[in-house]
């Protein structure tokens, strides 16, 4: 394993830690704090830029920026359509996840984005079947976004 690969693994382990932290917070409070999400967003953009400058490979940087814009934009549109459904933290987290998945490639982005909605819907259906939720029950979506991102990375 060369230095670049070791650094990529290290960044992914750090992201896993941040993801677990956000997952726990969102489940408990239905919030994704800006004090965690926004610095993560800035750090990931900086790392993608630094990697492109050091390696001379801009493909991953372009994928990361497009992933951020596509996934963040999609969640922003969902938030505009229904303020009660998607929270602002979800939109910002989508931009973070878009950077990571876009850096990995289009397949990772598609699988990660779709997995979040499929898993979240299945969870809601199970809760409704068990009569622990109804159509008005608020369900934290951040955890499903994070799990979906892990699946996207694994598939990509």
N, C-alpha and C. Protein backbone atom coordinates (compact mmCIF):
# COMPACT_ATOMS: atom_id res chain seq x y z
N UNK A 1 0.85 -1.17 0.00
CA UNK A 1 0.00 0.00 0.00
C UNK A 1 0.90 1.24 0.00
N UNK A 2 0.69 2.11 -0.98
CA UNK A 2 1.50 3.32 -1.04
C UNK A 2 0.89 4.40 -0.13
N UNK A 3 1.56 5.53 -0.04
CA UNK A 3 1.13 6.61 0.86
C UNK A 3 -0.26 7.12 0.49
N UNK A 4 -0.54 7.29 -0.79
CA UNK A 4 -1.85 7.78 -1.23
C UNK A 4 -2.96 6.84 -0.78
N UNK A 5 -2.78 5.55 -1.00
CA UNK A 5 -3.79 4.57 -0.59
C UNK A 5 -3.98 4.58 0.92
N UNK A 6 -2.89 4.69 1.67
CA UNK A 6 -2.98 4.74 3.13
C UNK A 6 -3.76 5.97 3.59
N UNK A 7 -3.52 7.10 2.95
CA UNK A 7 -4.25 8.32 3.30
C UNK A 7 -5.73 8.21 2.95
N UNK A 8 -6.04 7.59 1.82
CA UNK A 8 -7.45 7.39 1.43
C UNK A 8 -8.14 6.51 2.48
N UNK A 9 -7.49 5.45 2.91
CA UNK A 9 -8.07 4.58 3.94
C UNK A 9 -8.26 5.37 5.24
N UNK A 10 -7.28 6.16 5.61
CA UNK A 10 -7.37 6.96 6.83
C UNK A 10 -8.54 7.94 6.76
N UNK A 11 -8.70 8.61 5.63
CA UNK A 11 -9.82 9.55 5.47
C UNK A 11 -11.15 8.81 5.57
N UNK A 12 -11.24 7.64 4.96
CA UNK A 12 -12.49 6.87 5.03
C UNK A 12 -12.78 6.41 6.46
N UNK A 13 -11.77 6.04 7.20
CA UNK A 13 -11.98 5.67 8.60
C UNK A 13 -12.46 6.87 9.42
N UNK A 14 -11.88 8.04 9.16
CA UNK A 14 -12.33 9.25 9.84
C UNK A 14 -13.79 9.56 9.47
N UNK A 15 -14.12 9.40 8.20
CA UNK A 15 -15.50 9.63 7.76
C UNK A 15 -16.46 8.64 8.39
N UNK A 16 -16.02 7.41 8.55
CA UNK A 16 -16.86 6.42 9.22
C UNK A 16 -17.14 6.85 10.66
N UNK A 17 -16.12 7.37 11.33
CA UNK A 17 -16.31 7.87 12.69
C UNK A 17 -17.29 9.02 12.75
N UNK A 18 -17.14 9.97 11.83
CA UNK A 18 -18.07 11.11 11.76
C UNK A 18 -19.47 10.60 11.43
N UNK A 19 -19.57 9.64 10.53
CA UNK A 19 -20.87 9.09 10.15
C UNK A 19 -21.57 8.43 11.33
N UNK A 20 -20.85 7.65 12.09
CA UNK A 20 -21.45 6.99 13.26
C UNK A 20 -21.88 8.05 14.27
N UNK A 21 -21.05 9.06 14.47
CA UNK A 21 -21.38 10.15 15.40
C UNK A 21 -22.67 10.85 14.96
N UNK A 22 -22.77 11.19 13.68
CA UNK A 22 -23.97 11.84 13.17
C UNK A 22 -25.19 10.92 13.24
N UNK A 23 -24.98 9.66 12.96
CA UNK A 23 -26.07 8.68 13.01
C UNK A 23 -26.68 8.66 14.41
N UNK A 24 -25.84 8.57 15.42
CA UNK A 24 -26.32 8.53 16.81
C UNK A 24 -27.04 9.82 17.17
N UNK A 25 -26.46 10.95 16.81
CA UNK A 25 -27.07 12.25 17.12
C UNK A 25 -28.44 12.37 16.44
N UNK A 26 -28.52 11.99 15.16
CA UNK A 26 -29.77 12.14 14.42
C UNK A 26 -30.86 11.22 14.97
N UNK A 27 -30.51 10.01 15.34
CA UNK A 27 -31.50 9.10 15.92
C UNK A 27 -32.05 9.67 17.23
N UNK A 28 -31.15 10.24 18.04
CA UNK A 28 -31.56 10.76 19.35
C UNK A 28 -32.31 12.09 19.27
N UNK A 29 -31.87 12.98 18.35
CA UNK A 29 -32.38 14.36 18.38
C UNK A 29 -33.08 14.81 17.11
N UNK A 30 -33.01 14.02 16.05
CA UNK A 30 -33.53 14.42 14.74
C UNK A 30 -32.84 15.69 14.24
N UNK A 31 -31.56 15.79 14.52
CA UNK A 31 -30.75 16.92 14.09
C UNK A 31 -29.41 16.42 13.56
N UNK A 32 -28.90 17.13 12.57
CA UNK A 32 -27.56 16.90 12.05
C UNK A 32 -26.83 18.24 12.21
N UNK A 33 -26.07 18.39 13.28
CA UNK A 33 -25.51 19.70 13.65
C UNK A 33 -24.56 20.28 12.61
N UNK A 34 -24.74 21.57 12.33
CA UNK A 34 -23.85 22.29 11.42
C UNK A 34 -22.40 22.24 11.89
N UNK A 35 -22.18 22.22 13.20
CA UNK A 35 -20.83 22.24 13.75
C UNK A 35 -20.05 20.98 13.39
N UNK A 36 -20.76 19.94 12.95
CA UNK A 36 -20.10 18.72 12.50
C UNK A 36 -20.15 18.62 10.97
N UNK A 37 -21.32 18.86 10.40
CA UNK A 37 -21.52 18.65 8.96
C UNK A 37 -20.73 19.65 8.11
N UNK A 38 -20.79 20.92 8.46
CA UNK A 38 -20.14 21.94 7.61
C UNK A 38 -18.62 21.83 7.60
N UNK A 39 -17.96 21.62 8.75
CA UNK A 39 -16.50 21.42 8.67
C UNK A 39 -16.12 20.15 7.89
N UNK A 40 -16.95 19.14 7.98
CA UNK A 40 -16.70 17.91 7.21
C UNK A 40 -16.80 18.21 5.72
N UNK A 41 -17.78 18.99 5.33
CA UNK A 41 -17.96 19.38 3.93
C UNK A 41 -16.73 20.15 3.42
N UNK A 42 -16.30 21.13 4.18
CA UNK A 42 -15.15 21.94 3.78
C UNK A 42 -13.89 21.08 3.71
N UNK A 43 -13.68 20.22 4.71
CA UNK A 43 -12.49 19.36 4.74
C UNK A 43 -12.46 18.42 3.55
N UNK A 44 -13.60 17.84 3.20
CA UNK A 44 -13.65 16.92 2.07
C UNK A 44 -13.36 17.63 0.75
N UNK A 45 -13.92 18.81 0.58
CA UNK A 45 -13.62 19.58 -0.64
C UNK A 45 -12.13 19.91 -0.71
N UNK A 46 -11.57 20.33 0.41
CA UNK A 46 -10.14 20.66 0.44
C UNK A 46 -9.30 19.43 0.13
N UNK A 47 -9.65 18.29 0.71
CA UNK A 47 -8.90 17.06 0.46
C UNK A 47 -8.99 16.64 -1.01
N UNK A 48 -10.16 16.78 -1.60
CA UNK A 48 -10.32 16.41 -3.01
C UNK A 48 -9.48 17.33 -3.90
N UNK A 49 -9.44 18.61 -3.57
CA UNK A 49 -8.63 19.56 -4.33
C UNK A 49 -7.14 19.26 -4.16
N UNK A 50 -6.73 19.03 -2.93
CA UNK A 50 -5.32 18.72 -2.65
C UNK A 50 -4.90 17.45 -3.37
N UNK A 51 -5.76 16.43 -3.33
CA UNK A 51 -5.43 15.18 -4.02
C UNK A 51 -5.26 15.41 -5.52
N UNK A 52 -6.16 16.20 -6.10
CA UNK A 52 -6.07 16.48 -7.54
C UNK A 52 -4.78 17.23 -7.87
N UNK A 53 -4.40 18.16 -7.03
CA UNK A 53 -3.17 18.92 -7.26
C UNK A 53 -1.93 18.04 -7.12
N UNK A 54 -1.94 17.16 -6.12
CA UNK A 54 -0.76 16.32 -5.87
C UNK A 54 -0.62 15.17 -6.86
N UNK A 55 -1.74 14.62 -7.30
CA UNK A 55 -1.68 13.46 -8.20
C UNK A 55 -1.80 13.85 -9.66
N UNK A 56 -2.30 15.04 -9.93
CA UNK A 56 -2.52 15.45 -11.32
C UNK A 56 -3.76 14.81 -11.92
N UNK A 57 -4.53 14.10 -11.11
CA UNK A 57 -5.76 13.44 -11.55
C UNK A 57 -6.95 14.30 -11.13
N UNK A 58 -7.64 14.86 -12.11
CA UNK A 58 -8.78 15.71 -11.78
C UNK A 58 -10.12 14.98 -11.88
N UNK A 59 -10.11 13.78 -12.40
CA UNK A 59 -11.37 13.04 -12.59
C UNK A 59 -12.11 12.86 -11.27
N UNK A 60 -11.40 12.46 -10.22
CA UNK A 60 -12.04 12.26 -8.92
C UNK A 60 -12.57 13.56 -8.35
N UNK A 61 -11.82 14.65 -8.54
CA UNK A 61 -12.27 15.96 -8.07
C UNK A 61 -13.54 16.39 -8.79
N UNK A 62 -13.58 16.21 -10.09
CA UNK A 62 -14.78 16.56 -10.86
C UNK A 62 -15.96 15.72 -10.39
N UNK A 63 -15.74 14.43 -10.19
CA UNK A 63 -16.80 13.55 -9.69
C UNK A 63 -17.29 13.99 -8.32
N UNK A 64 -16.35 14.38 -7.45
CA UNK A 64 -16.72 14.82 -6.10
C UNK A 64 -17.57 16.09 -6.14
N UNK A 65 -17.15 17.05 -6.95
CA UNK A 65 -17.90 18.31 -7.04
C UNK A 65 -19.27 18.08 -7.67
N UNK A 66 -19.31 17.29 -8.74
CA UNK A 66 -20.61 16.99 -9.36
C UNK A 66 -21.50 16.20 -8.41
N UNK A 67 -20.93 15.25 -7.69
CA UNK A 67 -21.70 14.48 -6.71
C UNK A 67 -22.30 15.37 -5.65
N UNK A 68 -21.50 16.33 -5.16
CA UNK A 68 -21.99 17.28 -4.15
C UNK A 68 -23.15 18.10 -4.72
N UNK A 69 -22.98 18.60 -5.93
CA UNK A 69 -24.02 19.43 -6.54
C UNK A 69 -25.28 18.64 -6.86
N UNK A 70 -25.09 17.43 -7.38
CA UNK A 70 -26.25 16.62 -7.78
C UNK A 70 -27.03 16.15 -6.55
N UNK A 71 -26.34 15.50 -5.60
CA UNK A 71 -27.06 14.96 -4.45
C UNK A 71 -27.54 16.09 -3.53
N UNK A 72 -26.68 17.08 -3.29
CA UNK A 72 -27.11 18.22 -2.48
C UNK A 72 -28.26 18.97 -3.13
N UNK A 73 -28.19 19.14 -4.44
CA UNK A 73 -29.28 19.82 -5.16
C UNK A 73 -30.58 19.04 -5.14
N UNK A 74 -30.48 17.72 -5.27
CA UNK A 74 -31.67 16.88 -5.22
C UNK A 74 -32.36 17.00 -3.86
N UNK A 75 -31.57 16.92 -2.79
CA UNK A 75 -32.14 17.03 -1.44
C UNK A 75 -32.68 18.44 -1.19
N UNK A 76 -32.01 19.46 -1.73
CA UNK A 76 -32.51 20.83 -1.60
C UNK A 76 -33.87 20.97 -2.28
N UNK A 77 -34.01 20.34 -3.45
CA UNK A 77 -35.30 20.38 -4.15
C UNK A 77 -36.37 19.66 -3.34
N UNK A 78 -36.02 18.53 -2.74
CA UNK A 78 -36.98 17.83 -1.88
C UNK A 78 -37.39 18.70 -0.70
N UNK A 79 -36.45 19.42 -0.14
CA UNK A 79 -36.74 20.31 0.99
C UNK A 79 -37.67 21.43 0.56
N UNK A 80 -37.45 21.97 -0.65
CA UNK A 80 -38.32 23.05 -1.13
C UNK A 80 -39.75 22.56 -1.35
N UNK A 81 -39.88 21.32 -1.81
CA UNK A 81 -41.20 20.76 -2.08
C UNK A 81 -41.96 20.51 -0.79
N UNK A 82 -41.26 20.00 0.23
CA UNK A 82 -41.92 19.69 1.48
C UNK A 82 -40.98 19.98 2.65
N UNK A 83 -41.18 21.10 3.28
CA UNK A 83 -40.33 21.48 4.41
C UNK A 83 -40.49 20.53 5.59
N UNK A 84 -41.60 19.84 5.67
CA UNK A 84 -41.83 18.92 6.78
C UNK A 84 -41.13 17.58 6.57
N UNK A 85 -40.74 17.28 5.34
CA UNK A 85 -40.13 15.99 5.06
C UNK A 85 -38.63 15.98 5.26
N UNK A 86 -37.93 16.78 4.51
CA UNK A 86 -36.47 16.79 4.51
C UNK A 86 -35.99 17.99 5.31
N UNK A 87 -35.07 17.77 6.22
CA UNK A 87 -34.54 18.86 7.01
C UNK A 87 -33.32 19.49 6.35
N UNK A 88 -32.97 20.67 6.82
CA UNK A 88 -31.79 21.36 6.31
C UNK A 88 -30.51 20.57 6.55
N UNK A 89 -30.44 19.87 7.68
CA UNK A 89 -29.27 19.04 7.97
C UNK A 89 -29.13 17.92 6.97
N UNK A 90 -30.26 17.37 6.54
CA UNK A 90 -30.23 16.31 5.52
C UNK A 90 -29.66 16.84 4.21
N UNK A 91 -30.01 18.06 3.87
CA UNK A 91 -29.52 18.67 2.63
C UNK A 91 -28.00 18.84 2.70
N UNK A 92 -27.52 19.34 3.82
CA UNK A 92 -26.07 19.54 3.98
C UNK A 92 -25.34 18.20 4.02
N UNK A 93 -25.92 17.23 4.71
CA UNK A 93 -25.31 15.90 4.75
C UNK A 93 -25.29 15.28 3.35
N UNK A 94 -26.32 15.53 2.56
CA UNK A 94 -26.35 15.02 1.19
C UNK A 94 -25.20 15.58 0.37
N UNK A 95 -24.86 16.85 0.60
CA UNK A 95 -23.72 17.44 -0.11
C UNK A 95 -22.42 16.74 0.31
N UNK A 96 -22.28 16.47 1.60
CA UNK A 96 -21.10 15.75 2.10
C UNK A 96 -21.02 14.36 1.47
N UNK A 97 -22.12 13.65 1.52
CA UNK A 97 -22.16 12.29 0.97
C UNK A 97 -21.95 12.32 -0.54
N UNK A 98 -22.49 13.34 -1.19
CA UNK A 98 -22.29 13.48 -2.63
C UNK A 98 -20.83 13.62 -3.00
N UNK A 99 -20.06 14.35 -2.18
CA UNK A 99 -18.62 14.49 -2.43
C UNK A 99 -17.95 13.12 -2.38
N UNK A 100 -18.23 12.39 -1.33
CA UNK A 100 -17.58 11.09 -1.14
C UNK A 100 -17.98 10.11 -2.23
N UNK A 101 -19.29 9.99 -2.47
CA UNK A 101 -19.75 9.03 -3.46
C UNK A 101 -19.34 9.45 -4.87
N UNK A 102 -19.41 10.74 -5.17
CA UNK A 102 -18.98 11.22 -6.48
C UNK A 102 -17.49 10.98 -6.70
N UNK A 103 -16.69 11.09 -5.65
CA UNK A 103 -15.26 10.82 -5.75
C UNK A 103 -15.03 9.35 -6.11
N UNK A 104 -15.89 8.48 -5.58
CA UNK A 104 -15.79 7.05 -5.89
C UNK A 104 -16.31 6.71 -7.28
N UNK A 105 -17.23 7.49 -7.81
CA UNK A 105 -17.73 7.25 -9.16
C UNK A 105 -19.25 7.25 -9.23
N UNK A 106 -19.75 7.21 -10.45
CA UNK A 106 -21.20 7.31 -10.69
C UNK A 106 -21.97 6.14 -10.11
N UNK A 107 -21.41 4.95 -10.18
CA UNK A 107 -22.11 3.79 -9.63
C UNK A 107 -22.27 3.94 -8.12
N UNK A 108 -21.22 4.36 -7.44
CA UNK A 108 -21.29 4.56 -6.00
C UNK A 108 -22.34 5.61 -5.65
N UNK A 109 -22.38 6.69 -6.43
CA UNK A 109 -23.35 7.76 -6.20
C UNK A 109 -24.78 7.25 -6.37
N UNK A 110 -25.02 6.52 -7.44
CA UNK A 110 -26.37 6.01 -7.70
C UNK A 110 -26.81 5.01 -6.63
N UNK A 111 -25.94 4.07 -6.31
CA UNK A 111 -26.28 3.04 -5.32
C UNK A 111 -26.47 3.68 -3.94
N UNK A 112 -25.56 4.57 -3.56
CA UNK A 112 -25.66 5.21 -2.25
C UNK A 112 -26.91 6.05 -2.11
N UNK A 113 -27.22 6.83 -3.12
CA UNK A 113 -28.40 7.69 -3.07
C UNK A 113 -29.69 6.87 -3.03
N UNK A 114 -29.77 5.87 -3.90
CA UNK A 114 -30.98 5.04 -3.94
C UNK A 114 -31.14 4.21 -2.67
N UNK A 115 -30.03 3.68 -2.17
CA UNK A 115 -30.10 2.84 -0.97
C UNK A 115 -30.68 3.58 0.22
N UNK A 116 -30.35 4.85 0.36
CA UNK A 116 -30.87 5.63 1.48
C UNK A 116 -32.40 5.64 1.46
N UNK A 117 -32.98 5.88 0.29
CA UNK A 117 -34.44 5.95 0.20
C UNK A 117 -35.09 4.58 0.36
N UNK A 118 -34.49 3.56 -0.21
CA UNK A 118 -35.03 2.20 -0.08
C UNK A 118 -34.99 1.76 1.38
N UNK A 119 -33.85 1.94 2.03
CA UNK A 119 -33.72 1.51 3.42
C UNK A 119 -34.63 2.32 4.34
N UNK A 120 -34.69 3.63 4.13
CA UNK A 120 -35.57 4.46 4.94
C UNK A 120 -37.03 4.07 4.77
N UNK A 121 -37.44 3.78 3.54
CA UNK A 121 -38.83 3.37 3.30
C UNK A 121 -39.12 2.01 3.93
N UNK A 122 -38.20 1.07 3.81
CA UNK A 122 -38.41 -0.24 4.44
C UNK A 122 -38.53 -0.12 5.95
N UNK A 123 -37.68 0.71 6.55
CA UNK A 123 -37.74 0.94 7.99
C UNK A 123 -39.10 1.51 8.38
N UNK A 124 -39.56 2.51 7.65
CA UNK A 124 -40.86 3.12 7.95
C UNK A 124 -41.99 2.11 7.79
N UNK A 125 -41.92 1.28 6.76
CA UNK A 125 -42.96 0.26 6.56
C UNK A 125 -42.98 -0.75 7.69
N UNK A 126 -41.81 -1.16 8.15
CA UNK A 126 -41.75 -2.10 9.28
C UNK A 126 -42.34 -1.46 10.53
N UNK A 127 -41.99 -0.20 10.80
CA UNK A 127 -42.57 0.48 11.96
C UNK A 127 -44.09 0.58 11.86
N UNK A 128 -44.58 0.87 10.66
CA UNK A 128 -46.03 0.97 10.47
C UNK A 128 -46.69 -0.40 10.62
N UNK A 129 -46.06 -1.43 10.12
CA UNK A 129 -46.62 -2.79 10.26
C UNK A 129 -46.68 -3.21 11.72
N UNK A 130 -45.73 -2.74 12.51
CA UNK A 130 -45.70 -3.06 13.94
C UNK A 130 -46.53 -2.08 14.77
N UNK A 131 -47.21 -1.16 14.09
CA UNK A 131 -48.04 -0.14 14.73
C UNK A 131 -47.23 0.73 15.69
N UNK A 132 -45.97 0.97 15.35
CA UNK A 132 -45.11 1.86 16.14
C UNK A 132 -44.98 3.22 15.47
N UNK A 133 -45.58 3.35 14.28
CA UNK A 133 -45.53 4.61 13.55
C UNK A 133 -46.73 4.69 12.62
N UNK A 134 -47.06 5.92 12.23
CA UNK A 134 -48.08 6.12 11.21
C UNK A 134 -47.50 7.10 10.18
N UNK A 135 -48.33 7.56 9.26
CA UNK A 135 -47.83 8.41 8.18
C UNK A 135 -47.31 9.76 8.65
N UNK A 136 -47.65 10.15 9.88
CA UNK A 136 -47.20 11.46 10.38
C UNK A 136 -45.99 11.34 11.31
N UNK A 137 -45.53 10.13 11.57
CA UNK A 137 -44.39 9.94 12.46
C UNK A 137 -43.11 10.44 11.81
N UNK A 138 -42.35 11.23 12.55
CA UNK A 138 -41.06 11.72 12.06
C UNK A 138 -40.01 10.63 12.23
N UNK A 139 -39.28 10.39 11.19
CA UNK A 139 -38.22 9.39 11.21
C UNK A 139 -36.93 10.06 10.77
N UNK A 140 -35.88 9.88 11.57
CA UNK A 140 -34.58 10.44 11.21
C UNK A 140 -34.10 9.79 9.92
N UNK A 141 -33.75 10.61 8.93
CA UNK A 141 -33.32 10.07 7.64
C UNK A 141 -31.80 10.03 7.50
N UNK A 142 -31.10 10.82 8.30
CA UNK A 142 -29.65 10.84 8.25
C UNK A 142 -29.00 9.47 8.38
N UNK A 143 -29.47 8.64 9.32
CA UNK A 143 -28.87 7.31 9.43
C UNK A 143 -28.98 6.49 8.15
N UNK A 144 -30.08 6.62 7.45
CA UNK A 144 -30.26 5.86 6.21
C UNK A 144 -29.39 6.43 5.10
N UNK A 145 -29.17 7.74 5.14
CA UNK A 145 -28.26 8.34 4.18
C UNK A 145 -26.83 7.83 4.40
N UNK A 146 -26.44 7.73 5.65
CA UNK A 146 -25.09 7.28 5.99
C UNK A 146 -24.91 5.80 5.64
N UNK A 147 -25.88 4.98 6.00
CA UNK A 147 -25.79 3.54 5.65
C UNK A 147 -25.81 3.38 4.13
N UNK A 148 -26.64 4.15 3.44
CA UNK A 148 -26.69 4.11 1.99
C UNK A 148 -25.33 4.49 1.38
N UNK A 149 -24.67 5.49 1.97
CA UNK A 149 -23.36 5.90 1.48
C UNK A 149 -22.34 4.77 1.64
N UNK A 150 -22.39 4.09 2.77
CA UNK A 150 -21.47 2.95 2.98
C UNK A 150 -21.73 1.87 1.94
N UNK A 151 -23.00 1.60 1.67
CA UNK A 151 -23.33 0.61 0.64
C UNK A 151 -22.88 1.08 -0.75
N UNK A 152 -23.01 2.37 -1.02
CA UNK A 152 -22.56 2.92 -2.30
C UNK A 152 -21.06 2.77 -2.47
N UNK A 153 -20.32 3.04 -1.41
CA UNK A 153 -18.86 2.89 -1.47
C UNK A 153 -18.50 1.41 -1.69
N UNK A 154 -19.18 0.54 -0.98
CA UNK A 154 -18.91 -0.89 -1.12
C UNK A 154 -19.24 -1.39 -2.54
N UNK A 155 -20.32 -0.86 -3.11
CA UNK A 155 -20.73 -1.29 -4.46
C UNK A 155 -19.85 -0.66 -5.54
N UNK A 156 -19.33 0.54 -5.25
CA UNK A 156 -18.55 1.25 -6.24
C UNK A 156 -17.14 0.73 -6.32
